[in-house]
Amino acid sequence: MLLTITMNPSIDISYPLEKFQLDTVNRVTDTRKTAGGKGLNVTRVLKQLSTEVTASGLIGGFLGRQIQSQLEAEKINHAFSQIEGETRNCIAILHEGKQTEILESGPTISQGEAQNFLNNFTELVKRSSMISFSGSLPAGLPTDFYHQMLEICQQKNKKVVLDCSGKALEAVLAGSAKPFVIKPNLEELAAILNCSVEIDDLKEVLQTEKFSGVEWIVVSLGSQGAFAKHDEKFYRVNIPKIEVVNPVGSGDATVAGLLYALDQEKEDQEVLKIANTLGMLNAQENLTGHVNMDNFEMIKNQINVAPV
């Protein structure tokens, strides 16, 4: 079983408007409300790969129950820890080719709720072959909470794909328990290193002491593909041009591909092809966290992974 963790999930609300007008009424006729959060996007893609997967994290209140109901309707297994606070809403206003987001910070987690989650998480890890952690930490949790979770995974000899940024990622990189994979983009790398990072710098940058102990580093380059380091080997991933419908969640689909392919112990080039194919398939769909597997082989065959 694969396990996905979303510590700060949401109900994602999409408001498409031809024109967004400030300081007046905007009426929306086509509203979409979905169980959201980076880890849940990962989960949906894994489900479409016919993989046994369980979603976990923290949920609470009416919106938390909505998330559970949606996952059950999609026949996705879940094992969330309950909290007193209300799960958040995240609103995206789609207007004139732009996207304006209004993101609630979410509930504040108590020390008791955090410990209860860690107890439940430990039991889930025992039954899992690999795990992913995705997204931000909610208020109330310490910055090193992902590192605490990694220590549990290390004790159980389980590998983790980590997709987070900022202080949570910095705390992980400074800790003793390391993820198997991290998936930053150039902007996130620059923030970690406190300097600008260009594509030509990546081979040197990824060999710095900061990333010691992380076996796989996959750097997302958007439409330019990816750059990857596995142990002492480096790869440049070149992808074909596609018509992008909705890029939101493509990084999460890539994480799903990494989790899926690494769990099956695929060769390096195959891991990177599968992951990037799923990211591109997500970008071709309106719905976040959805892929059309009918196009999988066609896209995958156009991806080139070259050692550098």
Protein backbone atom coordinates (compact mmCIF):
# COMPACT_ATOMS: atom_id res chain seq x y z
CA MET A 1 0.00 0.00 0.00
CA LEU A 2 1.13 3.53 -0.83
CA LEU A 3 0.35 6.23 1.73
CA THR A 4 -0.19 9.92 0.92
CA ILE A 5 -0.15 12.62 3.60
CA THR A 6 -1.93 15.97 3.36
CA MET A 7 -1.52 17.88 6.62
CA ASN A 8 -3.53 20.96 5.55
CA PRO A 9 -6.20 19.81 3.06
CA SER A 10 -8.99 22.03 1.79
CA ILE A 11 -12.18 22.28 -0.14
CA ASP A 12 -11.03 23.86 -3.40
CA ILE A 13 -13.64 26.20 -4.87
CA SER A 14 -13.34 27.31 -8.49
CA TYR A 15 -15.16 30.46 -9.68
CA PRO A 16 -14.84 30.95 -13.46
CA LEU A 17 -15.71 34.48 -14.59
CA GLU A 18 -15.49 36.15 -17.98
CA LYS A 19 -14.53 39.35 -16.17
CA PHE A 20 -13.71 39.93 -12.51
CA GLN A 21 -15.08 43.25 -11.26
CA LEU A 22 -13.83 44.80 -8.02
CA ASP A 23 -16.12 46.44 -5.47
CA THR A 24 -19.32 45.05 -6.95
CA VAL A 25 -21.26 41.79 -7.33
CA ASN A 26 -19.79 38.97 -9.44
CA ARG A 27 -22.25 36.18 -10.21
CA VAL A 28 -20.91 32.68 -10.86
CA THR A 29 -22.94 30.03 -12.69
CA ASP A 30 -20.42 27.19 -12.93
CA THR A 31 -18.95 26.59 -9.47
CA ARG A 32 -16.78 23.57 -8.78
CA LYS A 33 -16.02 22.34 -5.23
CA THR A 34 -13.53 19.51 -4.78
CA ALA A 35 -11.58 17.86 -1.99
CA GLY A 36 -8.22 19.55 -2.39
CA GLY A 37 -4.66 19.65 -1.18
CA LYS A 38 -1.46 18.53 -2.88
CA GLY A 39 -1.48 15.08 -1.27
CA LEU A 40 -5.05 14.42 -2.37
CA ASN A 41 -4.08 15.25 -5.94
CA VAL A 42 -1.29 12.67 -5.62
CA THR A 43 -3.82 10.18 -4.30
CA ARG A 44 -6.22 10.64 -7.20
CA VAL A 45 -3.52 10.05 -9.78
CA LEU A 46 -2.32 6.92 -7.99
CA LYS A 47 -5.92 5.67 -7.91
CA GLN A 48 -6.09 6.09 -11.70
CA LEU A 49 -2.95 3.94 -11.93
CA SER A 50 -4.93 1.15 -10.21
CA THR A 51 -2.57 1.27 -7.25
CA GLU A 52 -3.57 0.49 -3.67
CA VAL A 53 -3.37 3.85 -1.93
CA THR A 54 -4.60 5.38 1.33
CA ALA A 55 -4.92 9.10 2.01
CA SER A 56 -4.23 10.49 5.45
CA GLY A 57 -3.60 13.77 7.25
CA LEU A 58 -5.73 16.07 9.40
CA ILE A 59 -9.38 17.01 8.84
CA GLY A 60 -12.13 18.53 10.94
CA GLY A 61 -15.63 19.95 10.96
CA PHE A 62 -18.23 20.07 8.20
CA LEU A 63 -15.68 20.59 5.43
CA GLY A 64 -13.62 17.67 6.71
CA ARG A 65 -16.68 15.46 6.40
CA GLN A 66 -17.17 16.75 2.85
CA ILE A 67 -13.65 15.65 1.98
CA GLN A 68 -14.30 12.18 3.37
CA SER A 69 -17.56 11.91 1.43
CA GLN A 70 -15.91 12.92 -1.84
CA LEU A 71 -13.08 10.43 -1.40
CA GLU A 72 -15.57 7.67 -0.61
CA ALA A 73 -17.55 8.55 -3.74
CA GLU A 74 -14.30 8.14 -5.70
CA LYS A 75 -13.63 4.82 -3.90
CA ILE A 76 -10.41 6.18 -2.40
CA ASN A 77 -9.33 4.71 0.95
CA HIS A 78 -8.70 7.26 3.69
CA ALA A 79 -7.53 7.22 7.31
CA PHE A 80 -7.47 10.83 8.50
CA SER A 81 -6.94 11.99 12.07
CA GLN A 82 -9.77 14.17 13.37
CA ILE A 83 -9.26 17.65 14.78
CA GLU A 84 -11.54 20.14 16.53
CA GLY A 85 -10.90 22.97 14.05
CA GLU A 86 -12.60 23.39 10.67
CA THR A 87 -10.81 22.29 7.50
CA ARG A 88 -10.15 25.29 5.26
CA ASN A 89 -11.55 26.59 1.97
CA CYS A 90 -9.29 27.67 -0.89
CA ILE A 91 -10.87 29.81 -3.60
CA ALA A 92 -9.58 30.24 -7.16
CA ILE A 93 -11.16 32.98 -9.30
CA LEU A 94 -10.50 32.25 -12.98
CA HIS A 95 -10.83 35.44 -15.01
CA GLU A 96 -9.54 36.84 -18.29
CA GLY A 97 -6.87 34.18 -18.60
CA LYS A 98 -5.67 34.82 -15.06
CA GLN A 99 -6.10 33.05 -11.73
CA THR A 100 -6.60 34.95 -8.47
CA GLU A 101 -6.43 32.77 -5.34
CA ILE A 102 -7.84 33.36 -1.87
CA LEU A 103 -6.35 30.79 0.49
CA GLU A 104 -7.47 30.35 4.08
CA SER A 105 -4.66 29.50 6.51
CA GLY A 106 -6.68 26.67 8.00
CA PRO A 107 -7.14 25.40 11.57
CA THR A 108 -4.64 25.62 14.42
CA ILE A 109 -3.55 22.18 15.58
CA SER A 110 -3.23 21.45 19.30
CA GLN A 111 -0.35 19.49 20.81
CA GLY A 112 -2.73 16.64 21.64
CA GLU A 113 -4.04 16.51 18.08
CA ALA A 114 -0.49 16.46 16.74
CA GLN A 115 0.44 13.55 18.99
CA ASN A 116 -2.73 11.67 18.08
CA PHE A 117 -1.84 12.05 14.40
CA LEU A 118 1.71 10.75 14.99
CA ASN A 119 0.29 7.70 16.81
CA ASN A 120 -2.08 6.95 13.92
CA PHE A 121 0.63 7.73 11.36
CA THR A 122 2.98 5.20 12.96
CA GLU A 123 0.40 2.45 12.49
CA LEU A 124 -0.23 3.43 8.86
CA VAL A 125 3.52 3.48 8.10
CA LYS A 126 3.81 -0.13 9.25
CA ARG A 127 1.37 -1.17 6.50
CA SER A 128 2.83 1.03 3.77
CA SER A 129 5.52 0.30 1.18
CA MET A 130 6.26 4.00 0.43
CA ILE A 131 4.89 7.34 1.62
CA SER A 132 4.53 10.88 0.27
CA PHE A 133 4.26 14.09 2.28
CA SER A 134 2.85 17.03 0.30
CA GLY A 135 2.16 20.68 0.98
CA SER A 136 2.25 23.08 3.88
CA LEU A 137 1.96 22.42 7.61
CA PRO A 138 -1.06 23.92 9.40
CA ALA A 139 -0.68 26.44 12.21
CA GLY A 140 0.19 24.97 15.60
CA LEU A 141 2.57 22.33 14.26
CA PRO A 142 6.29 22.94 14.77
CA THR A 143 8.45 23.66 11.72
CA ASP A 144 10.23 20.32 12.16
CA PHE A 145 7.02 18.24 12.17
CA TYR A 146 7.84 16.62 8.84
CA HIS A 147 11.21 15.66 10.30
CA GLN A 148 9.43 14.01 13.23
CA MET A 149 7.38 12.03 10.72
CA LEU A 150 10.54 11.12 8.79
CA GLU A 151 12.10 9.76 11.97
CA ILE A 152 9.14 7.39 12.32
CA CYS A 153 9.54 6.28 8.69
CA GLN A 154 13.27 5.79 9.19
CA GLN A 155 12.62 3.57 12.23
CA LYS A 156 10.28 1.45 10.10
CA ASN A 157 12.72 1.48 7.14
CA LYS A 158 10.17 3.15 4.83
CA LYS A 159 11.04 5.58 2.03
CA VAL A 160 9.43 9.00 1.66
CA VAL A 161 8.83 11.32 -1.31
CA LEU A 162 8.68 14.85 0.11
CA ASP A 163 7.11 17.80 -1.73
CA CYS A 164 7.20 20.89 0.45
CA SER A 165 9.04 24.21 0.58
CA GLY A 166 10.16 27.01 2.86
CA LYS A 167 11.02 26.49 6.52
CA ALA A 168 9.52 22.98 6.62
CA LEU A 169 11.92 21.84 3.87
CA GLU A 170 14.85 23.62 5.48
CA ALA A 171 14.12 21.84 8.78
CA VAL A 172 14.07 18.49 6.98
CA LEU A 173 17.37 19.13 5.19
CA ALA A 174 18.97 20.13 8.50
CA GLY A 175 17.72 17.01 10.29
CA SER A 176 19.17 13.54 10.64
CA ALA A 177 16.25 11.62 9.07
CA LYS A 178 16.23 12.23 5.32
CA PRO A 179 13.55 11.76 2.67
CA PHE A 180 14.29 9.42 -0.21
CA VAL A 181 13.14 12.05 -2.73
CA ILE A 182 12.61 15.81 -2.75
CA LYS A 183 11.02 17.70 -5.67
CA PRO A 184 11.85 21.42 -5.55
CA ASN A 185 11.62 23.91 -8.40
CA LEU A 186 14.21 26.57 -9.21
CA GLU A 187 12.51 29.20 -7.06
CA GLU A 188 12.38 26.87 -4.06
CA LEU A 189 16.04 25.92 -4.51
CA ALA A 190 16.98 29.59 -4.62
CA ALA A 191 15.08 30.20 -1.38
CA ILE A 192 16.84 27.29 0.35
CA LEU A 193 20.30 28.40 -0.79
CA ASN A 194 19.60 32.14 -0.49
CA CYS A 195 20.97 32.81 -3.98
CA SER A 196 19.79 32.74 -7.57
CA VAL A 197 19.88 29.34 -9.30
CA GLU A 198 19.98 28.82 -13.07
CA ILE A 199 19.54 25.56 -14.96
CA ASP A 200 23.24 25.49 -15.84
CA ASP A 201 24.08 25.65 -12.12
CA LEU A 202 22.06 22.61 -11.10
CA LYS A 203 24.71 19.90 -11.32
CA GLU A 204 26.99 21.86 -9.00
CA VAL A 205 24.21 23.10 -6.72
CA LEU A 206 22.76 19.64 -6.06
CA GLN A 207 26.14 18.38 -4.87
CA THR A 208 26.33 20.87 -2.00
CA GLU A 209 26.35 19.66 1.60
CA LYS A 210 22.83 21.03 2.08
CA PHE A 211 21.39 18.03 0.19
CA SER A 212 23.60 15.35 1.72
CA GLY A 213 21.73 12.16 2.47
CA VAL A 214 18.87 12.78 0.00
CA GLU A 215 19.12 9.99 -2.58
CA TRP A 216 16.88 11.52 -5.26
CA ILE A 217 16.46 15.22 -6.10
CA VAL A 218 14.07 15.99 -8.97
CA VAL A 219 14.01 19.67 -9.94
CA SER A 220 10.92 20.76 -11.82
CA LEU A 221 11.63 23.14 -14.73
CA GLY A 222 8.05 23.60 -15.93
CA SER A 223 7.76 23.58 -19.71
CA GLN A 224 11.52 22.93 -19.92
CA GLY A 225 11.19 19.51 -18.31
CA ALA A 226 13.27 18.54 -15.30
CA PHE A 227 16.76 17.98 -13.94
CA ALA A 228 17.44 15.06 -11.62
CA LYS A 229 20.15 13.68 -9.37
CA HIS A 230 20.16 10.08 -8.15
CA ASP A 231 23.13 9.35 -5.91
CA GLU A 232 26.08 10.41 -8.10
CA LYS A 233 24.17 10.28 -11.41
CA PHE A 234 22.57 13.29 -13.12
CA TYR A 235 19.83 13.42 -15.75
CA ARG A 236 18.25 16.07 -17.98
CA VAL A 237 14.61 15.42 -18.84
CA ASN A 238 13.39 16.97 -22.09
CA ILE A 239 9.64 16.99 -22.72
CA PRO A 240 7.54 17.68 -25.82
CA LYS A 241 5.39 20.78 -26.21
CA ILE A 242 1.74 20.20 -25.37
CA GLU A 243 -1.43 22.25 -25.22
CA VAL A 244 -1.80 23.14 -21.56
CA VAL A 245 -5.40 23.25 -20.31
CA ASN A 246 -4.82 23.49 -16.54
CA PRO A 247 -1.29 23.24 -15.08
CA VAL A 248 -2.48 23.22 -11.46
CA GLY A 249 -1.62 19.90 -9.83
CA SER A 250 0.92 18.82 -12.44
CA GLY A 251 3.66 18.76 -9.80
CA ASP A 252 1.43 16.54 -7.66
CA ALA A 253 0.87 14.18 -10.59
CA THR A 254 4.65 14.05 -11.00
CA VAL A 255 4.99 13.10 -7.32
CA ALA A 256 2.45 10.32 -7.87
CA GLY A 257 4.57 9.04 -10.75
CA LEU A 258 7.74 9.11 -8.64
CA LEU A 259 6.03 7.25 -5.81
CA TYR A 260 4.53 4.68 -8.17
CA ALA A 261 7.67 4.02 -10.22
CA LEU A 262 10.12 3.98 -7.31
CA ASP A 263 7.86 1.64 -5.35
CA GLN A 264 8.06 -0.72 -8.32
CA GLU A 265 11.87 -0.29 -8.41
CA LYS A 266 11.96 0.95 -12.01
CA GLU A 267 15.24 2.01 -13.64
CA ASP A 268 16.20 5.68 -13.29
CA GLN A 269 15.23 6.77 -16.80
CA GLU A 270 11.90 4.95 -16.56
CA VAL A 271 11.14 6.59 -13.19
CA LEU A 272 11.67 10.04 -14.68
CA LYS A 273 9.69 9.27 -17.84
CA ILE A 274 6.69 7.96 -15.89
CA ALA A 275 6.70 10.88 -13.46
CA ASN A 276 6.95 13.56 -16.13
CA THR A 277 4.37 11.86 -18.34
CA LEU A 278 1.81 11.99 -15.54
CA GLY A 279 2.61 15.63 -14.86
CA MET A 280 1.99 16.48 -18.51
CA LEU A 281 -1.21 14.42 -18.68
CA ASN A 282 -2.56 16.36 -15.69
CA ALA A 283 -1.82 19.66 -17.47
CA GLN A 284 -3.97 18.53 -20.41
CA GLU A 285 -7.09 18.10 -18.25
CA ASN A 286 -9.55 20.59 -16.76
CA LEU A 287 -9.79 18.73 -13.47
CA THR A 288 -6.80 18.89 -11.13
CA GLY A 289 -5.39 15.50 -10.21
CA HIS A 290 -6.85 13.74 -13.24
CA VAL A 291 -5.00 12.09 -16.14
CA ASN A 292 -6.11 10.43 -19.37
CA MET A 293 -4.20 7.16 -19.37
CA ASP A 294 -5.18 6.55 -23.00
CA ASN A 295 -2.48 9.11 -23.91
CA PHE A 296 0.16 7.76 -21.52
CA GLU A 297 2.34 5.83 -23.96
CA MET A 298 2.14 8.51 -26.65
CA ILE A 299 3.47 11.19 -24.28
CA LYS A 300 5.97 8.91 -22.58
CA ASN A 301 7.55 7.94 -25.90
CA GLN A 302 8.24 11.63 -26.63
CA ILE A 303 10.17 12.23 -23.41
CA ASN A 304 13.96 12.02 -23.55
CA VAL A 305 16.03 11.37 -20.45
CA ALA A 306 19.75 11.89 -21.00
CA PRO A 307 22.63 11.44 -18.52
CA VAL A 308 24.65 14.64 -18.01
